[in-house]
Amino acid sequence: MEIVIICAQCSNEYKAEASVRFWKCEHCGHEKENGLYPFLTRRVAHAKSHRSETNWEAMFDELLAAARERVLSLETRLRRLEADRKDAAAADPGRPARGDG
């Protein structure tokens, strides 16, 4: 998602990707950290500009649920990869498995 950033140094506007951790001003080179990385979405950006209309508790609960789901998915993938690595090492005992040495 592309968003518009206003530089704190020179006050110029520039476009930046929300999925990037740091933004650099195209005009003066000032660097700003994306404080909502990696959870900056169009909904969050809209909510920040319309604070009084936003149910922050519900929004953060949704973000937390999405983050938990992602963590569980990555943990499952990690367990599967570790099992595959162990199976490969058992199939060829003469060759050390990656990560074992």
C-alpha atoms as a PDB file:
ATOM      1  CA  MET A   1       0.000   0.000   0.000  1.00  0.00           C
ATOM      2  CA  GLU A   2       1.389   3.369  -0.993  1.00  0.00           C
ATOM      3  CA  ILE A   3       0.816   6.262   1.414  1.00  0.00           C
ATOM      4  CA  VAL A   4       1.745   9.930   1.507  1.00  0.00           C
ATOM      5  CA  ILE A   5       4.264  11.042   4.142  1.00  0.00           C
ATOM      6  CA  ILE A   6       4.919  14.638   5.193  1.00  0.00           C
ATOM      7  CA  CYS A   7       8.569  15.123   6.030  1.00  0.00           C
ATOM      8  CA  ALA A   8       9.214  16.479   9.531  1.00  0.00           C
ATOM      9  CA  GLN A   9      12.428  18.107   8.315  1.00  0.00           C
ATOM     10  CA  CYS A  10      11.401  19.970   5.140  1.00  0.00           C
ATOM     11  CA  SER A  11       7.551  19.632   5.203  1.00  0.00           C
ATOM     12  CA  ASN A  12       7.456  18.233   1.666  1.00  0.00           C
ATOM     13  CA  GLU A  13       5.116  15.371   0.837  1.00  0.00           C
ATOM     14  CA  TYR A  14       6.366  12.142  -0.708  1.00  0.00           C
ATOM     15  CA  LYS A  15       4.921   8.713  -1.393  1.00  0.00           C
ATOM     16  CA  ALA A  16       6.168   5.644   0.446  1.00  0.00           C
ATOM     17  CA  GLU A  17       5.266   1.984   0.780  1.00  0.00           C
ATOM     18  CA  ALA A  18       3.573   1.046   4.064  1.00  0.00           C
ATOM     19  CA  SER A  19       5.323  -2.340   4.034  1.00  0.00           C
ATOM     20  CA  VAL A  20       8.777  -0.738   4.406  1.00  0.00           C
ATOM     21  CA  ARG A  21      10.311  -0.198   7.859  1.00  0.00           C
ATOM     22  CA  PHE A  22      12.095   3.100   7.068  1.00  0.00           C
ATOM     23  CA  TRP A  23      11.063   5.927   4.749  1.00  0.00           C
ATOM     24  CA  LYS A  24      13.515   8.400   3.245  1.00  0.00           C
ATOM     25  CA  CYS A  25      12.371  11.854   2.102  1.00  0.00           C
ATOM     26  CA  GLU A  26      12.961  12.314  -1.616  1.00  0.00           C
ATOM     27  CA  HIS A  27      13.653  16.022  -1.097  1.00  0.00           C
ATOM     28  CA  CYS A  28      16.024  16.310   1.873  1.00  0.00           C
ATOM     29  CA  GLY A  29      16.987  12.705   2.636  1.00  0.00           C
ATOM     30  CA  HIS A  30      15.503  12.762   6.159  1.00  0.00           C
ATOM     31  CA  GLU A  31      14.763   9.204   7.315  1.00  0.00           C
ATOM     32  CA  LYS A  32      11.659   8.294   9.331  1.00  0.00           C
ATOM     33  CA  GLU A  33      10.832   4.959  10.920  1.00  0.00           C
ATOM     34  CA  ASN A  34       7.462   3.394  10.167  1.00  0.00           C
ATOM     35  CA  GLY A  35       6.196   3.118  13.740  1.00  0.00           C
ATOM     36  CA  LEU A  36       3.420   0.734  12.759  1.00  0.00           C
ATOM     37  CA  TYR A  37       5.638  -1.649  10.787  1.00  0.00           C
ATOM     38  CA  PRO A  38       4.642  -4.375   9.868  1.00  0.00           C
ATOM     39  CA  PHE A  39       0.988  -3.683  10.705  1.00  0.00           C
ATOM     40  CA  LEU A  40       0.377  -0.479   8.763  1.00  0.00           C
ATOM     41  CA  THR A  41      -2.643  -1.088   6.561  1.00  0.00           C
ATOM     42  CA  ARG A  42      -5.070   1.147   4.729  1.00  0.00           C
ATOM     43  CA  ARG A  43      -7.529   0.700   7.639  1.00  0.00           C
ATOM     44  CA  VAL A  44      -4.961   1.776  10.224  1.00  0.00           C
ATOM     45  CA  ALA A  45      -3.894   4.772   8.134  1.00  0.00           C
ATOM     46  CA  HIS A  46      -7.542   5.816   7.743  1.00  0.00           C
ATOM     47  CA  ALA A  47      -8.187   5.311  11.449  1.00  0.00           C
ATOM     48  CA  LYS A  48      -5.239   7.510  12.395  1.00  0.00           C
ATOM     49  CA  SER A  49      -6.603  10.363  10.300  1.00  0.00           C
ATOM     50  CA  HIS A  50     -10.172   9.846  11.627  1.00  0.00           C
ATOM     51  CA  ARG A  51      -9.390   9.147  15.271  1.00  0.00           C
ATOM     52  CA  SER A  52     -12.771  10.093  16.719  1.00  0.00           C
ATOM     53  CA  GLU A  53     -14.616   7.619  14.442  1.00  0.00           C
ATOM     54  CA  THR A  54     -12.358   4.670  15.233  1.00  0.00           C
ATOM     55  CA  ASN A  55     -13.067   1.817  17.623  1.00  0.00           C
ATOM     56  CA  TRP A  56      -9.410   1.339  18.550  1.00  0.00           C
ATOM     57  CA  GLU A  57      -9.977  -1.631  20.839  1.00  0.00           C
ATOM     58  CA  ALA A  58     -11.731  -3.612  18.108  1.00  0.00           C
ATOM     59  CA  MET A  59      -9.117  -2.614  15.527  1.00  0.00           C
ATOM     60  CA  PHE A  60      -6.202  -3.663  17.732  1.00  0.00           C
ATOM     61  CA  ASP A  61      -7.967  -6.913  18.649  1.00  0.00           C
ATOM     62  CA  GLU A  62      -8.242  -7.686  14.923  1.00  0.00           C
ATOM     63  CA  LEU A  63      -4.575  -6.859  14.352  1.00  0.00           C
ATOM     64  CA  LEU A  64      -3.562  -8.985  17.329  1.00  0.00           C
ATOM     65  CA  ALA A  65      -5.651 -11.901  16.075  1.00  0.00           C
ATOM     66  CA  ALA A  66      -4.045 -11.595  12.627  1.00  0.00           C
ATOM     67  CA  ALA A  67      -0.579 -11.506  14.202  1.00  0.00           C
ATOM     68  CA  ARG A  68      -1.337 -14.578  16.324  1.00  0.00           C
ATOM     69  CA  GLU A  69      -2.616 -16.417  13.259  1.00  0.00           C
ATOM     70  CA  ARG A  70       0.574 -15.546  11.387  1.00  0.00           C
ATOM     71  CA  VAL A  71       2.764 -16.713  14.284  1.00  0.00           C
ATOM     72  CA  LEU A  72       0.900 -20.028  14.496  1.00  0.00           C
ATOM     73  CA  SER A  73       1.240 -20.507  10.751  1.00  0.00           C
ATOM     74  CA  LEU A  74       4.975 -19.812  10.874  1.00  0.00           C
ATOM     75  CA  GLU A  75       5.448 -22.125  13.873  1.00  0.00           C
ATOM     76  CA  THR A  76       3.639 -24.916  12.005  1.00  0.00           C
ATOM     77  CA  ARG A  77       5.824 -24.343   8.951  1.00  0.00           C
ATOM     78  CA  LEU A  78       8.953 -24.358  11.122  1.00  0.00           C
ATOM     79  CA  ARG A  79       7.970 -27.691  12.735  1.00  0.00           C
ATOM     80  CA  ARG A  80       7.326 -29.169   9.280  1.00  0.00           C
ATOM     81  CA  LEU A  81      10.701 -27.963   7.976  1.00  0.00           C
ATOM     82  CA  GLU A  82      12.501 -29.312  11.051  1.00  0.00           C
ATOM     83  CA  ALA A  83      10.809 -32.692  10.583  1.00  0.00           C
ATOM     84  CA  ASP A  84      11.776 -32.716   6.891  1.00  0.00           C
ATOM     85  CA  ARG A  85      15.371 -31.879   7.815  1.00  0.00           C
ATOM     86  CA  LYS A  86      15.495 -34.708  10.359  1.00  0.00           C
ATOM     87  CA  ASP A  87      13.985 -37.133   7.834  1.00  0.00           C
ATOM     88  CA  ALA A  88      16.584 -36.117   5.243  1.00  0.00           C
ATOM     89  CA  ALA A  89      19.393 -36.569   7.789  1.00  0.00           C
ATOM     90  CA  ALA A  90      18.072 -40.008   8.756  1.00  0.00           C
ATOM     91  CA  ALA A  91      17.857 -41.047   5.099  1.00  0.00           C
ATOM     92  CA  ASP A  92      21.514 -40.120   4.483  1.00  0.00           C
ATOM     93  CA  PRO A  93      23.395 -40.543   7.797  1.00  0.00           C
ATOM     94  CA  GLY A  94      26.789 -39.871   6.194  1.00  0.00           C
ATOM     95  CA  ARG A  95      25.839 -36.330   5.250  1.00  0.00           C
ATOM     96  CA  PRO A  96      25.407 -33.784   8.058  1.00  0.00           C
ATOM     97  CA  ALA A  97      22.053 -32.023   8.005  1.00  0.00           C
ATOM     98  CA  ARG A  98      22.085 -28.290   7.454  1.00  0.00           C
ATOM     99  CA  GLY A  99      22.021 -26.430  10.697  1.00  0.00           C
ATOM    100  CA  ASP A 100      23.825 -29.190  12.598  1.00  0.00           C
ATOM    101  CA  GLY A 101      27.245 -27.930  12.205  1.00  0.00           C
END
